[in-house]
Amino acid sequence: MAKQRRRKTSFEKMMISLTATTVAFVFLSVLFFKAQLSSVNIEVERLKKNVTKQEKINESLTMKVNELISLENMQLVAAQSGLEYNNNNVIVIQK
């Protein structure tokens, strides 16, 4: 006895095509979002690198400022300008 092939109804055909379309859409969506995530991660890493670089620059500038405002440097500049440091003229202001 040979099996008879049953014909698919239009509803079954529609459900098969809808399922195939949904699977394809999900697959493409996953690929798209992974690509977007990858590009965002690259941008984040680039920004982290820039932030680290700027933090190093800021730290270097802070060290230079601290050197320039040191008491020894002020006394040196005052001596070069013909001024002298007199501790009695220093006024401390408190809040």
C-alpha atoms as a PDB file:
ATOM      1  CA  MET A   1       0.000   0.000   0.000  1.00  0.00           C
ATOM      2  CA  ALA A   2       1.422   3.300  -1.008  1.00  0.00           C
ATOM      3  CA  LYS A   3       0.957   6.285   1.216  1.00  0.00           C
ATOM      4  CA  GLN A   4      -1.015   9.057  -0.265  1.00  0.00           C
ATOM      5  CA  ARG A   5       0.468  12.496   0.137  1.00  0.00           C
ATOM      6  CA  ARG A   6      -1.883  14.857   1.755  1.00  0.00           C
ATOM      7  CA  ARG A   7      -2.066  18.300   0.177  1.00  0.00           C
ATOM      8  CA  LYS A   8      -1.302  21.246   2.382  1.00  0.00           C
ATOM      9  CA  THR A   9      -4.099  23.648   3.011  1.00  0.00           C
ATOM     10  CA  SER A  10      -3.713  27.342   2.412  1.00  0.00           C
ATOM     11  CA  PHE A  11      -3.614  27.915   6.183  1.00  0.00           C
ATOM     12  CA  GLU A  12      -0.702  25.489   6.543  1.00  0.00           C
ATOM     13  CA  LYS A  13       1.135  27.141   3.666  1.00  0.00           C
ATOM     14  CA  MET A  14       0.565  30.547   5.225  1.00  0.00           C
ATOM     15  CA  MET A  15       1.815  29.332   8.640  1.00  0.00           C
ATOM     16  CA  ILE A  16       4.949  27.796   7.077  1.00  0.00           C
ATOM     17  CA  SER A  17       5.775  30.981   5.179  1.00  0.00           C
ATOM     18  CA  LEU A  18       5.059  33.103   8.277  1.00  0.00           C
ATOM     19  CA  THR A  19       7.330  30.892  10.383  1.00  0.00           C
ATOM     20  CA  ALA A  20      10.127  31.045   7.794  1.00  0.00           C
ATOM     21  CA  THR A  21       9.775  34.815   7.551  1.00  0.00           C
ATOM     22  CA  THR A  22       9.848  35.177  11.343  1.00  0.00           C
ATOM     23  CA  VAL A  23      12.953  33.000  11.656  1.00  0.00           C
ATOM     24  CA  ALA A  24      14.713  35.000   8.938  1.00  0.00           C
ATOM     25  CA  PHE A  25      13.701  38.301  10.587  1.00  0.00           C
ATOM     26  CA  VAL A  26      14.944  37.169  14.003  1.00  0.00           C
ATOM     27  CA  PHE A  27      18.232  35.969  12.499  1.00  0.00           C
ATOM     28  CA  LEU A  28      18.801  39.283  10.689  1.00  0.00           C
ATOM     29  CA  SER A  29      17.799  41.259  13.778  1.00  0.00           C
ATOM     30  CA  VAL A  30      20.299  39.376  15.928  1.00  0.00           C
ATOM     31  CA  LEU A  31      23.052  40.050  13.389  1.00  0.00           C
ATOM     32  CA  PHE A  32      22.137  43.733  13.188  1.00  0.00           C
ATOM     33  CA  PHE A  33      22.080  44.214  16.963  1.00  0.00           C
ATOM     34  CA  LYS A  34      25.376  42.366  17.423  1.00  0.00           C
ATOM     35  CA  ALA A  35      26.959  44.660  14.845  1.00  0.00           C
ATOM     36  CA  GLN A  36      25.533  47.713  16.617  1.00  0.00           C
ATOM     37  CA  LEU A  37      26.782  46.445  19.985  1.00  0.00           C
ATOM     38  CA  SER A  38      30.225  45.862  18.530  1.00  0.00           C
ATOM     39  CA  SER A  39      30.438  49.390  17.129  1.00  0.00           C
ATOM     40  CA  VAL A  40      29.239  50.861  20.438  1.00  0.00           C
ATOM     41  CA  ASN A  41      31.869  48.829  22.328  1.00  0.00           C
ATOM     42  CA  ILE A  42      34.563  50.121  19.982  1.00  0.00           C
ATOM     43  CA  GLU A  43      33.391  53.688  20.608  1.00  0.00           C
ATOM     44  CA  VAL A  44      33.383  53.106  24.385  1.00  0.00           C
ATOM     45  CA  GLU A  45      36.937  51.787  24.297  1.00  0.00           C
ATOM     46  CA  ARG A  46      38.050  54.771  22.205  1.00  0.00           C
ATOM     47  CA  LEU A  47      36.464  57.161  24.702  1.00  0.00           C
ATOM     48  CA  LYS A  48      38.057  55.325  27.646  1.00  0.00           C
ATOM     49  CA  LYS A  49      41.431  55.699  25.971  1.00  0.00           C
ATOM     50  CA  ASN A  50      40.834  59.436  25.464  1.00  0.00           C
ATOM     51  CA  VAL A  51      39.714  59.844  29.091  1.00  0.00           C
ATOM     52  CA  THR A  52      42.807  58.038  30.366  1.00  0.00           C
ATOM     53  CA  LYS A  53      45.024  60.206  28.169  1.00  0.00           C
ATOM     54  CA  GLN A  54      43.334  63.383  29.404  1.00  0.00           C
ATOM     55  CA  GLU A  55      43.611  62.249  33.045  1.00  0.00           C
ATOM     56  CA  LYS A  56      47.373  61.812  32.575  1.00  0.00           C
ATOM     57  CA  ILE A  57      47.614  65.295  31.062  1.00  0.00           C
ATOM     58  CA  ASN A  58      45.582  66.753  33.940  1.00  0.00           C
ATOM     59  CA  GLU A  59      47.776  65.000  36.497  1.00  0.00           C
ATOM     60  CA  SER A  60      50.901  66.356  34.809  1.00  0.00           C
ATOM     61  CA  LEU A  61      49.475  69.881  34.790  1.00  0.00           C
ATOM     62  CA  THR A  62      48.473  69.592  38.454  1.00  0.00           C
ATOM     63  CA  MET A  63      52.044  68.629  39.319  1.00  0.00           C
ATOM     64  CA  LYS A  64      53.361  71.638  37.377  1.00  0.00           C
ATOM     65  CA  VAL A  65      50.930  73.962  39.161  1.00  0.00           C
ATOM     66  CA  ASN A  66      51.994  72.570  42.535  1.00  0.00           C
ATOM     67  CA  GLU A  67      55.630  73.191  41.614  1.00  0.00           C
ATOM     68  CA  LEU A  68      54.895  76.762  40.563  1.00  0.00           C
ATOM     69  CA  ILE A  69      52.934  77.638  43.706  1.00  0.00           C
ATOM     70  CA  SER A  70      55.467  76.157  46.099  1.00  0.00           C
ATOM     71  CA  LEU A  71      56.978  78.467  48.713  1.00  0.00           C
ATOM     72  CA  GLU A  72      60.490  77.905  47.390  1.00  0.00           C
ATOM     73  CA  ASN A  73      59.463  78.966  43.887  1.00  0.00           C
ATOM     74  CA  MET A  74      57.704  82.076  45.189  1.00  0.00           C
ATOM     75  CA  GLN A  75      60.803  83.026  47.204  1.00  0.00           C
ATOM     76  CA  LEU A  76      62.985  82.471  44.143  1.00  0.00           C
ATOM     77  CA  VAL A  77      60.784  84.662  41.940  1.00  0.00           C
ATOM     78  CA  ALA A  78      60.629  87.319  44.660  1.00  0.00           C
ATOM     79  CA  ALA A  79      64.415  87.295  45.018  1.00  0.00           C
ATOM     80  CA  GLN A  80      64.869  87.617  41.253  1.00  0.00           C
ATOM     81  CA  SER A  81      62.509  90.597  41.250  1.00  0.00           C
ATOM     82  CA  GLY A  82      64.370  92.282  44.114  1.00  0.00           C
ATOM     83  CA  LEU A  83      61.704  91.560  46.696  1.00  0.00           C
ATOM     84  CA  GLU A  84      62.116  89.842  50.029  1.00  0.00           C
ATOM     85  CA  TYR A  85      59.910  87.501  52.029  1.00  0.00           C
ATOM     86  CA  ASN A  86      58.772  88.973  55.335  1.00  0.00           C
ATOM     87  CA  ASN A  87      56.746  86.599  57.470  1.00  0.00           C
ATOM     88  CA  ASN A  88      55.333  89.509  59.557  1.00  0.00           C
ATOM     89  CA  ASN A  89      53.437  90.815  56.522  1.00  0.00           C
ATOM     90  CA  VAL A  90      51.588  87.546  55.942  1.00  0.00           C
ATOM     91  CA  ILE A  91      47.904  87.730  56.906  1.00  0.00           C
ATOM     92  CA  VAL A  92      45.911  84.520  57.404  1.00  0.00           C
ATOM     93  CA  ILE A  93      42.211  84.817  56.595  1.00  0.00           C
ATOM     94  CA  GLN A  94      39.849  82.295  58.104  1.00  0.00           C
ATOM     95  CA  LYS A  95      36.183  81.840  57.335  1.00  0.00           C
END
